[in-house]
PDB file of N, CA and C in Angstrom:
ATOM      1  N   MET A   1     -38.115 143.954  56.948  1.00  0.00           N
ATOM      2  CA  MET A   1     -39.159 143.432  56.105  1.00  0.00           C
ATOM      3  C   MET A   1     -39.271 144.310  54.861  1.00  0.00           C
ATOM      4  N   LYS A   2     -39.708 143.676  53.797  1.00  0.00           N
ATOM      5  CA  LYS A   2     -39.880 144.373  52.525  1.00  0.00           C
ATOM      6  C   LYS A   2     -41.225 143.990  51.924  1.00  0.00           C
ATOM      7  N   GLU A   3     -41.749 144.897  51.125  1.00  0.00           N
ATOM      8  CA  GLU A   3     -42.931 144.616  50.340  1.00  0.00           C
ATOM      9  C   GLU A   3     -42.480 144.415  48.898  1.00  0.00           C
ATOM     10  N   ILE A   4     -42.881 143.307  48.329  1.00  0.00           N
ATOM     11  CA  ILE A   4     -42.580 143.027  46.925  1.00  0.00           C
ATOM     12  C   ILE A   4     -43.892 143.107  46.169  1.00  0.00           C
ATOM     13  N   LYS A   5     -43.879 143.880  45.093  1.00  0.00           N
ATOM     14  CA  LYS A   5     -45.039 143.979  44.215  1.00  0.00           C
ATOM     15  C   LYS A   5     -44.600 143.629  42.806  1.00  0.00           C
ATOM     16  N   ALA A   6     -45.483 142.990  42.078  1.00  0.00           N
ATOM     17  CA  ALA A   6     -45.163 142.614  40.705  1.00  0.00           C
ATOM     18  C   ALA A   6     -46.429 142.646  39.867  1.00  0.00           C
ATOM     19  N   VAL A   7     -46.279 143.093  38.644  1.00  0.00           N
ATOM     20  CA  VAL A   7     -47.339 143.012  37.645  1.00  0.00           C
ATOM     21  C   VAL A   7     -46.806 142.053  36.588  1.00  0.00           C
ATOM     22  N   ILE A   8     -47.526 140.966  36.367  1.00  0.00           N
ATOM     23  CA  ILE A   8     -47.031 139.899  35.489  1.00  0.00           C
ATOM     24  C   ILE A   8     -48.119 139.469  34.502  1.00  0.00           C
ATOM     25  N   GLN A   9     -47.709 138.674  33.535  1.00  0.00           N
ATOM     26  CA  GLN A   9     -48.658 138.056  32.616  1.00  0.00           C
ATOM     27  C   GLN A   9     -49.453 136.996  33.397  1.00  0.00           C
ATOM     28  N   PRO A  10     -50.770 136.990  33.302  1.00  0.00           N
ATOM     29  CA  PRO A  10     -51.565 136.018  34.045  1.00  0.00           C
ATOM     30  C   PRO A  10     -51.191 134.570  33.752  1.00  0.00           C
ATOM     31  N   SER A  11     -50.745 134.298  32.547  1.00  0.00           N
ATOM     32  CA  SER A  11     -50.381 132.925  32.188  1.00  0.00           C
ATOM     33  C   SER A  11     -49.165 132.427  32.958  1.00  0.00           C
ATOM     34  N   ARG A  12     -48.371 133.341  33.516  1.00  0.00           N
ATOM     35  CA  ARG A  12     -47.172 132.953  34.263  1.00  0.00           C
ATOM     36  C   ARG A  12     -47.464 132.710  35.746  1.00  0.00           C
ATOM     37  N   LEU A  13     -48.646 133.114  36.209  1.00  0.00           N
ATOM     38  CA  LEU A  13     -48.978 133.024  37.629  1.00  0.00           C
ATOM     39  C   LEU A  13     -48.889 131.610  38.208  1.00  0.00           C
ATOM     40  N   PRO A  14     -49.461 130.588  37.583  1.00  0.00           N
ATOM     41  CA  PRO A  14     -49.373 129.247  38.185  1.00  0.00           C
ATOM     42  C   PRO A  14     -47.937 128.772  38.405  1.00  0.00           C
ATOM     43  N   LYS A  15     -47.055 129.032  37.450  1.00  0.00           N
ATOM     44  CA  LYS A  15     -45.664 128.593  37.594  1.00  0.00           C
ATOM     45  C   LYS A  15     -44.940 129.407  38.664  1.00  0.00           C
ATOM     46  N   ILE A  16     -45.210 130.703  38.723  1.00  0.00           N
ATOM     47  CA  ILE A  16     -44.591 131.541  39.752  1.00  0.00           C
ATOM     48  C   ILE A  16     -45.067 131.094  41.129  1.00  0.00           C
ATOM     49  N   ARG A  17     -46.367 130.892  41.266  1.00  0.00           N
ATOM     50  CA  ARG A  17     -46.920 130.454  42.555  1.00  0.00           C
ATOM     51  C   ARG A  17     -46.309 129.136  42.998  1.00  0.00           C
ATOM     52  N   SER A  18     -46.211 128.202  42.098  1.00  0.00           N
ATOM     53  CA  SER A  18     -45.633 126.896  42.419  1.00  0.00           C
ATOM     54  C   SER A  18     -44.179 127.033  42.866  1.00  0.00           C
ATOM     55  N   ALA A  19     -43.401 127.837  42.146  1.00  0.00           N
ATOM     56  CA  ALA A  19     -41.986 128.020  42.497  1.00  0.00           C
ATOM     57  C   ALA A  19     -41.839 128.750  43.833  1.00  0.00           C
ATOM     58  N   LEU A  20     -42.688 129.741  44.097  1.00  0.00           N
ATOM     59  CA  LEU A  20     -42.602 130.468  45.373  1.00  0.00           C
ATOM     60  C   LEU A  20     -42.948 129.568  46.548  1.00  0.00           C
ATOM     61  N   ARG A  21     -43.893 128.666  46.372  1.00  0.00           N
ATOM     62  CA  ARG A  21     -44.265 127.751  47.457  1.00  0.00           C
ATOM     63  C   ARG A  21     -43.120 126.812  47.830  1.00  0.00           C
ATOM     64  N   ASN A  22     -42.140 126.649  46.951  1.00  0.00           N
ATOM     65  CA  ASN A  22     -40.978 125.815  47.255  1.00  0.00           C
ATOM     66  C   ASN A  22     -39.920 126.544  48.074  1.00  0.00           C
ATOM     67  N   ILE A  23     -40.084 127.836  48.279  1.00  0.00           N
ATOM     68  CA  ILE A  23     -39.133 128.600  49.091  1.00  0.00           C
ATOM     69  C   ILE A  23     -39.498 128.416  50.554  1.00  0.00           C
ATOM     70  N   LYS A  24     -38.570 127.890  51.329  1.00  0.00           N
ATOM     71  CA  LYS A  24     -38.817 127.658  52.757  1.00  0.00           C
ATOM     72  C   LYS A  24     -39.093 128.987  53.458  1.00  0.00           C
ATOM     73  N   GLY A  25     -40.206 129.055  54.164  1.00  0.00           N
ATOM     74  CA  GLY A  25     -40.572 130.259  54.889  1.00  0.00           C
ATOM     75  C   GLY A  25     -41.360 131.264  54.071  1.00  0.00           C
ATOM     76  N   PHE A  26     -41.702 130.915  52.824  1.00  0.00           N
ATOM     77  CA  PHE A  26     -42.480 131.842  52.000  1.00  0.00           C
ATOM     78  C   PHE A  26     -43.783 132.168  52.717  1.00  0.00           C
ATOM     79  N   PRO A  27     -44.053 133.466  52.957  1.00  0.00           N
ATOM     80  CA  PRO A  27     -45.200 133.838  53.781  1.00  0.00           C
ATOM     81  C   PRO A  27     -46.543 133.918  53.055  1.00  0.00           C
ATOM     82  N   GLY A  28     -46.558 133.737  51.751  1.00  0.00           N
ATOM     83  CA  GLY A  28     -47.794 133.858  51.000  1.00  0.00           C
ATOM     84  C   GLY A  28     -47.859 135.174  50.243  1.00  0.00           C
ATOM     85  N   MET A  29     -48.908 135.338  49.455  1.00  0.00           N
ATOM     86  CA  MET A  29     -49.045 136.546  48.658  1.00  0.00           C
ATOM     87  C   MET A  29     -50.513 136.814  48.387  1.00  0.00           C
ATOM     88  N   THR A  30     -50.792 138.004  47.960  1.00  0.00           N
ATOM     89  CA  THR A  30     -52.119 138.391  47.525  1.00  0.00           C
ATOM     90  C   THR A  30     -52.052 138.630  46.022  1.00  0.00           C
ATOM     91  N   VAL A  31     -53.069 138.189  45.319  1.00  0.00           N
ATOM     92  CA  VAL A  31     -53.104 138.314  43.865  1.00  0.00           C
ATOM     93  C   VAL A  31     -54.397 139.008  43.470  1.00  0.00           C
ATOM     94  N   SER A  32     -54.274 139.908  42.527  1.00  0.00           N
ATOM     95  CA  SER A  32     -55.436 140.619  42.023  1.00  0.00           C
ATOM     96  C   SER A  32     -55.373 140.651  40.501  1.00  0.00           C
ATOM     97  N   LYS A  33     -56.542 140.614  39.874  1.00  0.00           N
ATOM     98  CA  LYS A  33     -56.615 140.757  38.421  1.00  0.00           C
ATOM     99  C   LYS A  33     -56.690 142.243  38.109  1.00  0.00           C
ATOM    100  N   VAL A  34     -55.830 142.699  37.221  1.00  0.00           N
ATOM    101  CA  VAL A  34     -55.808 144.106  36.822  1.00  0.00           C
ATOM    102  C   VAL A  34     -55.644 144.200  35.311  1.00  0.00           C
ATOM    103  N   ASP A  35     -55.847 145.376  34.773  1.00  0.00           N
ATOM    104  CA  ASP A  35     -55.561 145.663  33.372  1.00  0.00           C
ATOM    105  C   ASP A  35     -54.498 146.732  33.334  1.00  0.00           C
ATOM    106  N   GLY A  36     -53.600 146.642  32.372  1.00  0.00           N
ATOM    107  CA  GLY A  36     -52.547 147.637  32.300  1.00  0.00           C
ATOM    108  C   GLY A  36     -52.027 147.819  30.894  1.00  0.00           C
ATOM    109  N   CYS A  37     -51.240 148.865  30.756  1.00  0.00           N
ATOM    110  CA  CYS A  37     -50.555 149.109  29.492  1.00  0.00           C
ATOM    111  C   CYS A  37     -49.136 149.531  29.823  1.00  0.00           C
ATOM    112  N   GLY A  38     -48.232 149.239  28.941  1.00  0.00           N
ATOM    113  CA  GLY A  38     -46.830 149.506  29.186  1.00  0.00           C
ATOM    114  C   GLY A  38     -46.359 150.814  28.597  1.00  0.00           C
ATOM    115  N   HIS A  39     -45.065 151.008  28.673  1.00  0.00           N
ATOM    116  CA  HIS A  39     -44.442 152.229  28.177  1.00  0.00           C
ATOM    117  C   HIS A  39     -44.010 152.112  26.719  1.00  0.00           C
ATOM    118  N   HIS A  40     -44.140 150.928  26.135  1.00  0.00           N
ATOM    119  CA  HIS A  40     -43.666 150.736  24.763  1.00  0.00           C
ATOM    120  C   HIS A  40     -44.453 151.629  23.801  1.00  0.00           C
ATOM    121  N   LEU A  41     -43.788 151.994  22.747  1.00  0.00           N
ATOM    122  CA  LEU A  41     -44.378 152.908  21.770  1.00  0.00           C
ATOM    123  C   LEU A  41     -45.444 152.206  20.941  1.00  0.00           C
ATOM    124  N   GLN A  42     -46.530 152.916  20.718  1.00  0.00           N
ATOM    125  CA  GLN A  42     -47.588 152.409  19.865  1.00  0.00           C
ATOM    126  C   GLN A  42     -47.953 153.463  18.847  1.00  0.00           C
ATOM    127  N   LYS A  43     -48.677 153.039  17.830  1.00  0.00           N
ATOM    128  CA  LYS A  43     -49.157 153.998  16.844  1.00  0.00           C
ATOM    129  C   LYS A  43     -50.111 154.971  17.528  1.00  0.00           C
ATOM    130  N   PRO A  44     -50.069 156.223  17.137  1.00  0.00           N
ATOM    131  CA  PRO A  44     -51.016 157.185  17.709  1.00  0.00           C
ATOM    132  C   PRO A  44     -52.456 156.768  17.428  1.00  0.00           C
ATOM    133  N   SER A  45     -53.309 156.965  18.403  1.00  0.00           N
ATOM    134  CA  SER A  45     -54.703 156.587  18.270  1.00  0.00           C
ATOM    135  C   SER A  45     -55.464 157.641  17.476  1.00  0.00           C
ATOM    136  N   VAL A  46     -56.292 157.186  16.553  1.00  0.00           N
ATOM    137  CA  VAL A  46     -57.126 158.105  15.788  1.00  0.00           C
ATOM    138  C   VAL A  46     -58.602 157.778  15.980  1.00  0.00           C
ATOM    139  N   GLY A  47     -58.885 156.741  16.761  1.00  0.00           N
ATOM    140  CA  GLY A  47     -60.259 156.274  16.909  1.00  0.00           C
ATOM    141  C   GLY A  47     -60.971 156.738  18.155  1.00  0.00           C
ATOM    142  N   GLY A  48     -60.375 157.613  18.917  1.00  0.00           N
ATOM    143  CA  GLY A  48     -61.042 158.132  20.093  1.00  0.00           C
ATOM    144  C   GLY A  48     -60.859 157.257  21.319  1.00  0.00           C
ATOM    145  N   VAL A  49     -61.684 157.508  22.320  1.00  0.00           N
ATOM    146  CA  VAL A  49     -61.570 156.850  23.622  1.00  0.00           C
ATOM    147  C   VAL A  49     -61.760 155.342  23.510  1.00  0.00           C
ATOM    148  N   ARG A  50     -62.727 154.897  22.749  1.00  0.00           N
ATOM    149  CA  ARG A  50     -62.999 153.459  22.636  1.00  0.00           C
ATOM    150  C   ARG A  50     -61.755 152.701  22.171  1.00  0.00           C
ATOM    151  N   GLU A  51     -61.052 153.238  21.185  1.00  0.00           N
ATOM    152  CA  GLU A  51     -59.840 152.590  20.684  1.00  0.00           C
ATOM    153  C   GLU A  51     -58.726 152.645  21.722  1.00  0.00           C
ATOM    154  N   GLU A  52     -58.607 153.752  22.430  1.00  0.00           N
ATOM    155  CA  GLU A  52     -57.548 153.877  23.439  1.00  0.00           C
ATOM    156  C   GLU A  52     -57.732 152.890  24.571  1.00  0.00           C
ATOM    157  N   LEU A  53     -58.970 152.592  24.941  1.00  0.00           N
ATOM    158  CA  LEU A  53     -59.219 151.664  26.034  1.00  0.00           C
ATOM    159  C   LEU A  53     -58.851 150.235  25.670  1.00  0.00           C
ATOM    160  N   THR A  54     -58.755 149.919  24.397  1.00  0.00           N
ATOM    161  CA  THR A  54     -58.381 148.565  23.992  1.00  0.00           C
ATOM    162  C   THR A  54     -56.883 148.327  24.109  1.00  0.00           C
ATOM    163  N   ASP A  55     -56.124 149.368  24.442  1.00  0.00           N
ATOM    164  CA  ASP A  55     -54.681 149.235  24.613  1.00  0.00           C
ATOM    165  C   ASP A  55     -54.333 148.462  25.886  1.00  0.00           C
ATOM    166  N   TYR A  56     -55.273 148.350  26.808  1.00  0.00           N
ATOM    167  CA  TYR A  56     -55.021 147.668  28.072  1.00  0.00           C
ATOM    168  C   TYR A  56     -55.123 146.164  27.896  1.00  0.00           C
ATOM    169  N   SER A  57     -54.277 145.448  28.619  1.00  0.00           N
ATOM    170  CA  SER A  57     -54.324 143.994  28.560  1.00  0.00           C
ATOM    171  C   SER A  57     -54.377 143.437  29.975  1.00  0.00           C
ATOM    172  N   PRO A  58     -54.918 142.228  30.128  1.00  0.00           N
ATOM    173  CA  PRO A  58     -55.033 141.622  31.456  1.00  0.00           C
ATOM    174  C   PRO A  58     -53.669 141.352  32.060  1.00  0.00           C
ATOM    175  N   LYS A  59     -53.552 141.600  33.357  1.00  0.00           N
ATOM    176  CA  LYS A  59     -52.326 141.342  34.110  1.00  0.00           C
ATOM    177  C   LYS A  59     -52.709 140.746  35.456  1.00  0.00           C
ATOM    178  N   ALA A  60     -51.759 140.144  36.118  1.00  0.00           N
ATOM    179  CA  ALA A  60     -51.912 139.705  37.505  1.00  0.00           C
ATOM    180  C   ALA A  60     -51.018 140.594  38.359  1.00  0.00           C
ATOM    181  N   TYR A  61     -51.560 141.072  39.455  1.00  0.00           N
ATOM    182  CA  TYR A  61     -50.830 141.958  40.371  1.00  0.00           C
ATOM    183  C   TYR A  61     -50.577 141.180  41.656  1.00  0.00           C
ATOM    184  N   LEU A  62     -49.313 140.944  41.951  1.00  0.00           N
ATOM    185  CA  LEU A  62     -48.918 140.204  43.148  1.00  0.00           C
ATOM    186  C   LEU A  62     -48.375 141.171  44.183  1.00  0.00           C
ATOM    187  N   PHE A  63     -48.708 140.956  45.429  1.00  0.00           N
ATOM    188  CA  PHE A  63     -48.047 141.725  46.472  1.00  0.00           C
ATOM    189  C   PHE A  63     -47.909 140.872  47.711  1.00  0.00           C
ATOM    190  N   MET A  64     -46.778 141.083  48.392  1.00  0.00           N
ATOM    191  CA  MET A  64     -46.441 140.288  49.564  1.00  0.00           C
ATOM    192  C   MET A  64     -45.491 141.065  50.463  1.00  0.00           C
ATOM    193  N   VAL A  65     -45.534 140.772  51.742  1.00  0.00           N
ATOM    194  CA  VAL A  65     -44.591 141.326  52.708  1.00  0.00           C
ATOM    195  C   VAL A  65     -43.737 140.159  53.173  1.00  0.00           C
ATOM    196  N   VAL A  66     -42.415 140.305  53.032  1.00  0.00           N
ATOM    197  CA  VAL A  66     -41.519 139.177  53.289  1.00  0.00           C
ATOM    198  C   VAL A  66     -40.340 139.610  54.159  1.00  0.00           C
ATOM    199  N   PRO A  67     -39.765 138.659  54.898  1.00  0.00           N
ATOM    200  CA  PRO A  67     -38.550 138.960  55.652  1.00  0.00           C
ATOM    201  C   PRO A  67     -37.403 139.302  54.699  1.00  0.00           C
ATOM    202  N   ASP A  68     -36.497 140.152  55.149  1.00  0.00           N
ATOM    203  CA  ASP A  68     -35.373 140.594  54.315  1.00  0.00           C
ATOM    204  C   ASP A  68     -34.600 139.434  53.698  1.00  0.00           C
ATOM    205  N   GLU A  69     -34.432 138.360  54.456  1.00  0.00           N
ATOM    206  CA  GLU A  69     -33.595 137.256  53.959  1.00  0.00           C
ATOM    207  C   GLU A  69     -34.253 136.475  52.814  1.00  0.00           C
ATOM    208  N   LEU A  70     -35.532 136.662  52.576  1.00  0.00           N
ATOM    209  CA  LEU A  70     -36.206 135.966  51.478  1.00  0.00           C
ATOM    210  C   LEU A  70     -36.340 136.810  50.213  1.00  0.00           C
ATOM    211  N   VAL A  71     -36.035 138.085  50.294  1.00  0.00           N
ATOM    212  CA  VAL A  71     -36.281 139.002  49.186  1.00  0.00           C
ATOM    213  C   VAL A  71     -35.581 138.553  47.905  1.00  0.00           C
ATOM    214  N   GLU A  72     -34.294 138.300  47.954  1.00  0.00           N
ATOM    215  CA  GLU A  72     -33.554 137.965  46.727  1.00  0.00           C
ATOM    216  C   GLU A  72     -34.049 136.689  46.079  1.00  0.00           C
ATOM    217  N   GLY A  73     -34.356 135.676  46.870  1.00  0.00           N
ATOM    218  CA  GLY A  73     -34.862 134.419  46.314  1.00  0.00           C
ATOM    219  C   GLY A  73     -36.213 134.590  45.650  1.00  0.00           C
ATOM    220  N   ILE A  74     -37.084 135.383  46.277  1.00  0.00           N
ATOM    221  CA  ILE A  74     -38.404 135.634  45.708  1.00  0.00           C
ATOM    222  C   ILE A  74     -38.283 136.444  44.417  1.00  0.00           C
ATOM    223  N   LEU A  75     -37.448 137.464  44.439  1.00  0.00           N
ATOM    224  CA  LEU A  75     -37.236 138.255  43.221  1.00  0.00           C
ATOM    225  C   LEU A  75     -36.713 137.386  42.087  1.00  0.00           C
ATOM    226  N   GLN A  76     -35.783 136.518  42.404  1.00  0.00           N
ATOM    227  CA  GLN A  76     -35.210 135.644  41.384  1.00  0.00           C
ATOM    228  C   GLN A  76     -36.293 134.773  40.747  1.00  0.00           C
ATOM    229  N   VAL A  77     -37.172 134.216  41.573  1.00  0.00           N
ATOM    230  CA  VAL A  77     -38.256 133.383  41.048  1.00  0.00           C
ATOM    231  C   VAL A  77     -39.171 134.199  40.143  1.00  0.00           C
ATOM    232  N   ILE A  78     -39.610 135.363  40.615  1.00  0.00           N
ATOM    233  CA  ILE A  78     -40.548 136.169  39.829  1.00  0.00           C
ATOM    234  C   ILE A  78     -39.935 136.572  38.494  1.00  0.00           C
ATOM    235  N   VAL A  79     -38.671 136.996  38.518  1.00  0.00           N
ATOM    236  CA  VAL A  79     -38.025 137.454  37.296  1.00  0.00           C
ATOM    237  C   VAL A  79     -37.773 136.289  36.333  1.00  0.00           C
ATOM    238  N   GLU A  80     -37.219 135.199  36.838  1.00  0.00           N
ATOM    239  CA  GLU A  80     -36.881 134.084  35.953  1.00  0.00           C
ATOM    240  C   GLU A  80     -38.116 133.376  35.406  1.00  0.00           C
ATOM    241  N   VAL A  81     -39.091 133.138  36.247  1.00  0.00           N
ATOM    242  CA  VAL A  81     -40.279 132.402  35.805  1.00  0.00           C
ATOM    243  C   VAL A  81     -41.248 133.324  35.049  1.00  0.00           C
ATOM    244  N   GLY A  82     -41.285 134.595  35.418  1.00  0.00           N
ATOM    245  CA  GLY A  82     -42.192 135.540  34.778  1.00  0.00           C
ATOM    246  C   GLY A  82     -41.723 136.036  33.428  1.00  0.00           C
ATOM    247  N   HIS A  83     -40.428 135.921  33.154  1.00  0.00           N
ATOM    248  CA  HIS A  83     -39.854 136.439  31.914  1.00  0.00           C
ATOM    249  C   HIS A  83     -40.178 135.532  30.727  1.00  0.00           C
ATOM    250  N   THR A  84     -40.767 136.120  29.681  1.00  0.00           N
ATOM    251  CA  THR A  84     -40.992 135.369  28.448  1.00  0.00           C
ATOM    252  C   THR A  84     -40.185 135.958  27.293  1.00  0.00           C
ATOM    253  N   GLY A  85     -39.694 137.181  27.493  1.00  0.00           N
ATOM    254  CA  GLY A  85     -38.960 137.857  26.430  1.00  0.00           C
ATOM    255  C   GLY A  85     -39.843 138.720  25.541  1.00  0.00           C
ATOM    256  N   ASN A  86     -41.116 138.751  25.836  1.00  0.00           N
ATOM    257  CA  ASN A  86     -42.052 139.544  25.037  1.00  0.00           C
ATOM    258  C   ASN A  86     -42.323 140.889  25.692  1.00  0.00           C
ATOM    259  N   ILE A  87     -42.735 141.853  24.880  1.00  0.00           N
ATOM    260  CA  ILE A  87     -43.164 143.141  25.410  1.00  0.00           C
ATOM    261  C   ILE A  87     -44.360 142.901  26.318  1.00  0.00           C
ATOM    262  N   GLY A  88     -44.358 143.563  27.460  1.00  0.00           N
ATOM    263  CA  GLY A  88     -45.476 143.432  28.390  1.00  0.00           C
ATOM    264  C   GLY A  88     -45.313 142.324  29.409  1.00  0.00           C
ATOM    265  N   ASP A  89     -44.093 141.796  29.566  1.00  0.00           N
ATOM    266  CA  ASP A  89     -43.860 140.756  30.567  1.00  0.00           C
ATOM    267  C   ASP A  89     -44.210 141.227  31.972  1.00  0.00           C
ATOM    268  N   GLY A  90     -43.953 142.492  32.271  1.00  0.00           N
ATOM    269  CA  GLY A  90     -44.318 143.002  33.586  1.00  0.00           C
ATOM    270  C   GLY A  90     -43.213 143.790  34.245  1.00  0.00           C
ATOM    271  N   ILE A  91     -43.381 143.988  35.539  1.00  0.00           N
ATOM    272  CA  ILE A  91     -42.460 144.797  36.329  1.00  0.00           C
ATOM    273  C   ILE A  91     -42.509 144.300  37.781  1.00  0.00           C
ATOM    274  N   VAL A  92     -41.395 144.428  38.479  1.00  0.00           N
ATOM    275  CA  VAL A  92     -41.303 144.028  39.883  1.00  0.00           C
ATOM    276  C   VAL A  92     -40.595 145.139  40.639  1.00  0.00           C
ATOM    277  N   TRP A  93     -41.073 145.446  41.855  1.00  0.00           N
ATOM    278  CA  TRP A  93     -40.375 146.435  42.669  1.00  0.00           C
ATOM    279  C   TRP A  93     -40.472 146.077  44.145  1.00  0.00           C
ATOM    280  N   VAL A  94     -39.547 146.639  44.907  1.00  0.00           N
ATOM    281  CA  VAL A  94     -39.431 146.338  46.340  1.00  0.00           C
ATOM    282  C   VAL A  94     -39.415 147.647  47.112  1.00  0.00           C
ATOM    283  N   THR A  95     -40.161 147.686  48.213  1.00  0.00           N
ATOM    284  CA  THR A  95     -40.162 148.856  49.084  1.00  0.00           C
ATOM    285  C   THR A  95     -40.001 148.402  50.529  1.00  0.00           C
ATOM    286  N   PRO A  96     -39.396 149.247  51.367  1.00  0.00           N
ATOM    287  CA  PRO A  96     -39.236 148.890  52.776  1.00  0.00           C
ATOM    288  C   PRO A  96     -40.584 148.926  53.510  1.00  0.00           C
ATOM    289  N   VAL A  97     -40.690 148.067  54.516  1.00  0.00           N
ATOM    290  CA  VAL A  97     -41.876 148.028  55.370  1.00  0.00           C
ATOM    291  C   VAL A  97     -41.431 148.350  56.795  1.00  0.00           C
ATOM    292  N   GLU A  98     -41.998 149.381  57.327  1.00  0.00           N
ATOM    293  CA  GLU A  98     -41.626 149.800  58.681  1.00  0.00           C
ATOM    294  C   GLU A  98     -42.182 148.858  59.744  1.00  0.00           C
ATOM    295  N   ARG A  99     -43.402 148.390  59.517  1.00  0.00           N
ATOM    296  CA  ARG A  99     -44.040 147.543  60.523  1.00  0.00           C
ATOM    297  C   ARG A  99     -45.108 146.689  59.854  1.00  0.00           C
ATOM    298  N   MET A 100     -45.279 145.464  60.365  1.00  0.00           N
ATOM    299  CA  MET A 100     -46.314 144.581  59.867  1.00  0.00           C
ATOM    300  C   MET A 100     -46.901 143.822  61.048  1.00  0.00           C
ATOM    301  N   ILE A 101     -48.198 143.676  61.060  1.00  0.00           N
ATOM    302  CA  ILE A 101     -48.872 142.886  62.081  1.00  0.00           C
ATOM    303  C   ILE A 101     -49.720 141.847  61.363  1.00  0.00           C
ATOM    304  N   ARG A 102     -49.493 140.602  61.646  1.00  0.00           N
ATOM    305  CA  ARG A 102     -50.292 139.524  61.061  1.00  0.00           C
ATOM    306  C   ARG A 102     -51.519 139.352  61.955  1.00  0.00           C
ATOM    307  N   LEU A 103     -52.689 139.637  61.419  1.00  0.00           N
ATOM    308  CA  LEU A 103     -53.906 139.647  62.224  1.00  0.00           C
ATOM    309  C   LEU A 103     -54.206 138.299  62.858  1.00  0.00           C
ATOM    310  N   SER A 104     -53.885 137.224  62.184  1.00  0.00           N
ATOM    311  CA  SER A 104     -54.178 135.895  62.726  1.00  0.00           C
ATOM    312  C   SER A 104     -53.331 135.579  63.963  1.00  0.00           C
ATOM    313  N   GLU A 105     -52.261 136.307  64.150  1.00  0.00           N
ATOM    314  CA  GLU A 105     -51.384 136.063  65.295  1.00  0.00           C
ATOM    315  C   GLU A 105     -51.539 137.126  66.377  1.00  0.00           C
ATOM    316  N   GLN A 106     -52.441 138.060  66.190  1.00  0.00           N
ATOM    317  CA  GLN A 106     -52.653 139.141  67.148  1.00  0.00           C
ATOM    318  C   GLN A 106     -53.417 138.588  68.339  1.00  0.00           C
ATOM    319  N   ILE A 107     -52.754 138.488  69.502  1.00  0.00           N
ATOM    320  CA  ILE A 107     -53.414 137.907  70.682  1.00  0.00           C
ATOM    321  C   ILE A 107     -53.646 138.927  71.781  1.00  0.00           C
ATOM    322  N   GLN A 108     -52.990 140.045  71.699  1.00  0.00           N
ATOM    323  CA  GLN A 108     -53.149 141.051  72.727  1.00  0.00           C
ATOM    324  C   GLN A 108     -54.408 141.872  72.432  1.00  0.00           C
ATOM    325  N   VAL A 109     -55.288 141.979  73.416  1.00  0.00           N
ATOM    326  CA  VAL A 109     -56.512 142.746  73.254  1.00  0.00           C
ATOM    327  C   VAL A 109     -56.252 144.161  73.706  1.00  0.00           C
ATOM    328  N   LEU A 110     -56.562 145.124  72.824  1.00  0.00           N
ATOM    329  CA  LEU A 110     -56.378 146.514  73.177  1.00  0.00           C
ATOM    330  C   LEU A 110     -57.537 146.989  74.038  1.00  0.00           C
ATOM    331  N   GLU A 111     -57.212 147.662  75.111  1.00  0.00           N
ATOM    332  CA  GLU A 111     -58.253 148.164  76.024  1.00  0.00           C
ATOM    333  C   GLU A 111     -58.401 149.660  75.853  1.00  0.00           C
ATOM    334  N   ASP A 112     -59.617 150.188  76.164  1.00  0.00           N
ATOM    335  CA  ASP A 112     -59.882 151.626  76.074  1.00  0.00           C
ATOM    336  C   ASP A 112     -59.038 152.405  77.040  1.00  0.00           C
TER     337      ASP A 112
END
C-alpha cells in the first residue's frame, strides 16, 4: 500500500475527482483546503509581515491510501488533469504505508 498526497489548484479538483472515480477500485480520498506558496522566485518583500502573508494562495490538499497496483494510474490522473502549465500547479508525492485499517470494516472487538 502507498499513501499519495498532492497539493493542487482548487479549480482542478472537480476534474481530478471525476477522473479518479473512473478508476476501478479507487478507494476514495480526503480533501482539505490549504494555503501555500511555492519555491519560485519573487521580488523581495519590503512591506513587512502583512505583505509577506499575501504571497500564499489557496490550494487543495488531497491524500489517499491506495493499493500498489493503483498507484501509477492515480498518479497519471493527478499529473495530467492537474497540470495547467502555470507556476503553482502543485506537487504530488508517494510514501510507503506499513499498515492500514479501514474502521468501517473493523469487526473484531478488542478485549482488555
